[in-house]
């Protein structure tokens, strides 16, 4: 388990996200999500396969006490929304080839989210920053 990000939650517990691999050659990689109480007692552990979220970069708590995870899989930026117990509600794919990554998320005052990422979909060399605003269901907001 390689920890990528951790936060203190509204109930004074902690949420940790990271990558795992079941093999030495890293051909079976996925995302691990652990939530503890304020004393470090594990409340839940969830694993999401690499087809859903291969690499994860950030976690934030949503207003509904669920969580939003950002990362990528299959060369696309991915956002995954869970309920308060870590059960996946939905995941959405954004971007295209050759690759895009959702690097972090921030809650907005209107209850939505702004996602910051990197894209290489429209340039030949290097990446560009992208900003994306989504609602609580992952729908893009113009």
C-alpha atoms as a PDB file:
ATOM      1  CA  UNK A   1       0.000   0.000   0.000  1.00  0.00           C
ATOM      2  CA  UNK A   2       1.418   3.369  -1.034  1.00  0.00           C
ATOM      3  CA  UNK A   3      -0.434   6.267   0.612  1.00  0.00           C
ATOM      4  CA  UNK A   4      -1.191   9.067  -1.840  1.00  0.00           C
ATOM      5  CA  UNK A   5      -3.376  11.365   0.229  1.00  0.00           C
ATOM      6  CA  UNK A   6      -5.081  11.587   3.593  1.00  0.00           C
ATOM      7  CA  UNK A   7      -7.569  13.950   5.196  1.00  0.00           C
ATOM      8  CA  UNK A   8      -9.269  14.515   8.522  1.00  0.00           C
ATOM      9  CA  UNK A   9     -12.997  13.920   8.150  1.00  0.00           C
ATOM     10  CA  UNK A  10     -15.906  15.866   9.627  1.00  0.00           C
ATOM     11  CA  UNK A  11     -16.368  13.193  12.326  1.00  0.00           C
ATOM     12  CA  UNK A  12     -12.709  13.749  13.389  1.00  0.00           C
ATOM     13  CA  UNK A  13     -11.642  10.467  11.797  1.00  0.00           C
ATOM     14  CA  UNK A  14      -9.274  10.030   8.878  1.00  0.00           C
ATOM     15  CA  UNK A  15      -9.515   8.935   5.251  1.00  0.00           C
ATOM     16  CA  UNK A  16      -6.515   7.452   3.415  1.00  0.00           C
ATOM     17  CA  UNK A  17      -6.187   6.609  -0.269  1.00  0.00           C
ATOM     18  CA  UNK A  18      -3.390   4.933  -2.162  1.00  0.00           C
ATOM     19  CA  UNK A  19      -2.279   2.320  -4.632  1.00  0.00           C
ATOM     20  CA  UNK A  20      -1.849  -1.377  -4.085  1.00  0.00           C
ATOM     21  CA  UNK A  21      -0.288  -4.072  -6.208  1.00  0.00           C
ATOM     22  CA  UNK A  22      -0.824  -7.808  -5.958  1.00  0.00           C
ATOM     23  CA  UNK A  23       2.321  -8.617  -7.918  1.00  0.00           C
ATOM     24  CA  UNK A  24       5.982  -7.655  -8.032  1.00  0.00           C
ATOM     25  CA  UNK A  25       5.778  -6.459 -11.629  1.00  0.00           C
ATOM     26  CA  UNK A  26       2.867  -4.082 -10.890  1.00  0.00           C
ATOM     27  CA  UNK A  27       0.562  -5.527 -13.526  1.00  0.00           C
ATOM     28  CA  UNK A  28      -2.301  -5.723 -10.999  1.00  0.00           C
ATOM     29  CA  UNK A  29      -2.629  -2.211  -9.565  1.00  0.00           C
ATOM     30  CA  UNK A  30      -5.679  -0.585  -8.053  1.00  0.00           C
ATOM     31  CA  UNK A  31      -6.883   1.905  -5.464  1.00  0.00           C
ATOM     32  CA  UNK A  32      -7.241   1.323  -1.743  1.00  0.00           C
ATOM     33  CA  UNK A  33      -9.508   3.526   0.441  1.00  0.00           C
ATOM     34  CA  UNK A  34      -9.392   3.288   4.241  1.00  0.00           C
ATOM     35  CA  UNK A  35     -11.503   5.252   6.744  1.00  0.00           C
ATOM     36  CA  UNK A  36     -10.717   5.275  10.461  1.00  0.00           C
ATOM     37  CA  UNK A  37     -12.299   6.850  13.501  1.00  0.00           C
ATOM     38  CA  UNK A  38     -10.473   9.451  15.609  1.00  0.00           C
ATOM     39  CA  UNK A  39      -8.580   6.662  17.435  1.00  0.00           C
ATOM     40  CA  UNK A  40      -7.334   4.991  14.268  1.00  0.00           C
ATOM     41  CA  UNK A  41      -9.807   2.099  14.405  1.00  0.00           C
ATOM     42  CA  UNK A  42     -10.652   1.070  10.847  1.00  0.00           C
ATOM     43  CA  UNK A  43     -14.297   1.730   9.954  1.00  0.00           C
ATOM     44  CA  UNK A  44     -14.014   0.470   6.375  1.00  0.00           C
ATOM     45  CA  UNK A  45     -11.542  -0.651   3.718  1.00  0.00           C
ATOM     46  CA  UNK A  46     -12.520  -0.559   0.066  1.00  0.00           C
ATOM     47  CA  UNK A  47     -10.570  -1.651  -2.993  1.00  0.00           C
ATOM     48  CA  UNK A  48     -11.341  -0.379  -6.495  1.00  0.00           C
ATOM     49  CA  UNK A  49      -9.883  -2.271  -9.445  1.00  0.00           C
ATOM     50  CA  UNK A  50      -7.491  -0.701 -11.927  1.00  0.00           C
ATOM     51  CA  UNK A  51     -10.239  -0.681 -14.565  1.00  0.00           C
ATOM     52  CA  UNK A  52     -12.136   1.834 -12.402  1.00  0.00           C
ATOM     53  CA  UNK A  53      -9.307   3.836 -10.817  1.00  0.00           C
ATOM     54  CA  UNK A  54      -5.754   2.674 -11.527  1.00  0.00           C
ATOM     55  CA  UNK A  55      -3.942   5.545  -9.818  1.00  0.00           C
ATOM     56  CA  UNK A  56      -5.486   7.846  -7.258  1.00  0.00           C
ATOM     57  CA  UNK A  57      -4.241  11.307  -6.300  1.00  0.00           C
ATOM     58  CA  UNK A  58      -6.679  12.978  -3.919  1.00  0.00           C
ATOM     59  CA  UNK A  59      -9.679  12.482  -1.657  1.00  0.00           C
ATOM     60  CA  UNK A  60     -12.108  15.062  -0.285  1.00  0.00           C
ATOM     61  CA  UNK A  61     -15.227  14.756   1.810  1.00  0.00           C
ATOM     62  CA  UNK A  62     -18.479  15.830   0.167  1.00  0.00           C
ATOM     63  CA  UNK A  63     -21.298  17.709   1.883  1.00  0.00           C
ATOM     64  CA  UNK A  64     -23.295  14.453   2.088  1.00  0.00           C
ATOM     65  CA  UNK A  65     -20.385  12.899   4.080  1.00  0.00           C
ATOM     66  CA  UNK A  66     -19.473  10.746   1.093  1.00  0.00           C
ATOM     67  CA  UNK A  67     -16.115  11.082  -0.615  1.00  0.00           C
ATOM     68  CA  UNK A  68     -14.758  12.143  -3.988  1.00  0.00           C
ATOM     69  CA  UNK A  69     -11.562  10.487  -5.264  1.00  0.00           C
ATOM     70  CA  UNK A  70      -9.567  11.746  -8.245  1.00  0.00           C
ATOM     71  CA  UNK A  71      -7.129   9.881 -10.461  1.00  0.00           C
ATOM     72  CA  UNK A  72      -6.954   8.080 -13.776  1.00  0.00           C
ATOM     73  CA  UNK A  73      -7.473   4.738 -15.482  1.00  0.00           C
ATOM     74  CA  UNK A  74      -7.084   3.595 -19.081  1.00  0.00           C
ATOM     75  CA  UNK A  75      -5.499   6.958 -20.061  1.00  0.00           C
ATOM     76  CA  UNK A  76      -8.559   8.917 -18.920  1.00  0.00           C
ATOM     77  CA  UNK A  77      -9.150  11.232 -15.988  1.00  0.00           C
ATOM     78  CA  UNK A  78     -11.482   9.560 -13.484  1.00  0.00           C
ATOM     79  CA  UNK A  79     -13.556  10.781 -10.569  1.00  0.00           C
ATOM     80  CA  UNK A  80     -15.115   8.294  -8.179  1.00  0.00           C
ATOM     81  CA  UNK A  81     -17.899   9.184  -5.705  1.00  0.00           C
ATOM     82  CA  UNK A  82     -18.630   7.050  -2.637  1.00  0.00           C
ATOM     83  CA  UNK A  83     -21.160   7.114   0.141  1.00  0.00           C
ATOM     84  CA  UNK A  84     -20.074   7.670   3.752  1.00  0.00           C
ATOM     85  CA  UNK A  85     -19.146   3.962   4.038  1.00  0.00           C
ATOM     86  CA  UNK A  86     -16.865   3.892   0.982  1.00  0.00           C
ATOM     87  CA  UNK A  87     -19.377   2.144  -1.284  1.00  0.00           C
ATOM     88  CA  UNK A  88     -18.979   3.368  -4.852  1.00  0.00           C
ATOM     89  CA  UNK A  89     -21.981   5.393  -6.022  1.00  0.00           C
ATOM     90  CA  UNK A  90     -20.578   6.295  -9.432  1.00  0.00           C
ATOM     91  CA  UNK A  91     -17.425   6.951 -11.367  1.00  0.00           C
ATOM     92  CA  UNK A  92     -17.043   9.186 -14.389  1.00  0.00           C
ATOM     93  CA  UNK A  93     -14.487   9.373 -17.163  1.00  0.00           C
ATOM     94  CA  UNK A  94     -13.255  12.641 -18.627  1.00  0.00           C
ATOM     95  CA  UNK A  95     -10.802  13.366 -21.428  1.00  0.00           C
ATOM     96  CA  UNK A  96      -9.302  11.277 -24.168  1.00  0.00           C
ATOM     97  CA  UNK A  97      -6.104  10.086 -25.813  1.00  0.00           C
ATOM     98  CA  UNK A  98      -3.228  10.015 -25.302  1.00  0.00           C
ATOM     99  CA  UNK A  99      -3.892  10.641 -21.566  1.00  0.00           C
ATOM    100  CA  UNK A 100      -5.599  12.795 -18.923  1.00  0.00           C
ATOM    101  CA  UNK A 101      -5.360  12.757 -15.125  1.00  0.00           C
ATOM    102  CA  UNK A 102      -7.645  14.258 -12.456  1.00  0.00           C
ATOM    103  CA  UNK A 103      -5.117  15.419  -9.844  1.00  0.00           C
ATOM    104  CA  UNK A 104      -7.201  17.116  -7.152  1.00  0.00           C
ATOM    105  CA  UNK A 105     -10.678  18.310  -6.242  1.00  0.00           C
ATOM    106  CA  UNK A 106     -12.055  21.181  -4.192  1.00  0.00           C
ATOM    107  CA  UNK A 107     -15.591  21.769  -2.945  1.00  0.00           C
ATOM    108  CA  UNK A 108     -17.202  24.985  -4.119  1.00  0.00           C
ATOM    109  CA  UNK A 109     -19.551  27.207  -2.118  1.00  0.00           C
ATOM    110  CA  UNK A 110     -22.496  26.078  -4.256  1.00  0.00           C
ATOM    111  CA  UNK A 111     -22.019  22.385  -3.311  1.00  0.00           C
ATOM    112  CA  UNK A 112     -20.256  21.365  -6.505  1.00  0.00           C
ATOM    113  CA  UNK A 113     -16.633  20.455  -7.175  1.00  0.00           C
ATOM    114  CA  UNK A 114     -13.767  21.902  -9.176  1.00  0.00           C
ATOM    115  CA  UNK A 115     -11.329  19.340 -10.518  1.00  0.00           C
ATOM    116  CA  UNK A 116      -7.764  20.240 -11.507  1.00  0.00           C
ATOM    117  CA  UNK A 117      -5.946  17.903 -13.806  1.00  0.00           C
ATOM    118  CA  UNK A 118      -3.408  17.476 -16.527  1.00  0.00           C
ATOM    119  CA  UNK A 119      -4.179  16.718 -20.144  1.00  0.00           C
ATOM    120  CA  UNK A 120      -2.084  15.633 -23.055  1.00  0.00           C
ATOM    121  CA  UNK A 121      -5.085  15.128 -25.333  1.00  0.00           C
ATOM    122  CA  UNK A 122      -4.544  18.245 -27.386  1.00  0.00           C
ATOM    123  CA  UNK A 123      -0.790  18.775 -27.485  1.00  0.00           C
ATOM    124  CA  UNK A 124       2.089  16.883 -28.990  1.00  0.00           C
ATOM    125  CA  UNK A 125       4.571  17.459 -26.187  1.00  0.00           C
ATOM    126  CA  UNK A 126       3.991  17.785 -22.475  1.00  0.00           C
ATOM    127  CA  UNK A 127       0.749  18.374 -20.686  1.00  0.00           C
ATOM    128  CA  UNK A 128      -1.606  21.236 -20.054  1.00  0.00           C
ATOM    129  CA  UNK A 129      -3.652  21.978 -16.962  1.00  0.00           C
ATOM    130  CA  UNK A 130      -7.415  21.537 -17.209  1.00  0.00           C
ATOM    131  CA  UNK A 131     -10.169  22.753 -14.897  1.00  0.00           C
ATOM    132  CA  UNK A 132     -13.486  20.984 -14.706  1.00  0.00           C
ATOM    133  CA  UNK A 133     -16.530  21.843 -12.609  1.00  0.00           C
ATOM    134  CA  UNK A 134     -18.903  18.979 -11.793  1.00  0.00           C
ATOM    135  CA  UNK A 135     -22.028  18.567  -9.676  1.00  0.00           C
ATOM    136  CA  UNK A 136     -22.566  15.935  -6.977  1.00  0.00           C
ATOM    137  CA  UNK A 137     -23.455  13.411  -9.713  1.00  0.00           C
ATOM    138  CA  UNK A 138     -20.296  14.033 -11.733  1.00  0.00           C
ATOM    139  CA  UNK A 139     -22.076  15.969 -14.482  1.00  0.00           C
ATOM    140  CA  UNK A 140     -20.010  18.719 -16.061  1.00  0.00           C
ATOM    141  CA  UNK A 141     -21.148  22.276 -15.352  1.00  0.00           C
ATOM    142  CA  UNK A 142     -20.384  24.928 -17.971  1.00  0.00           C
END
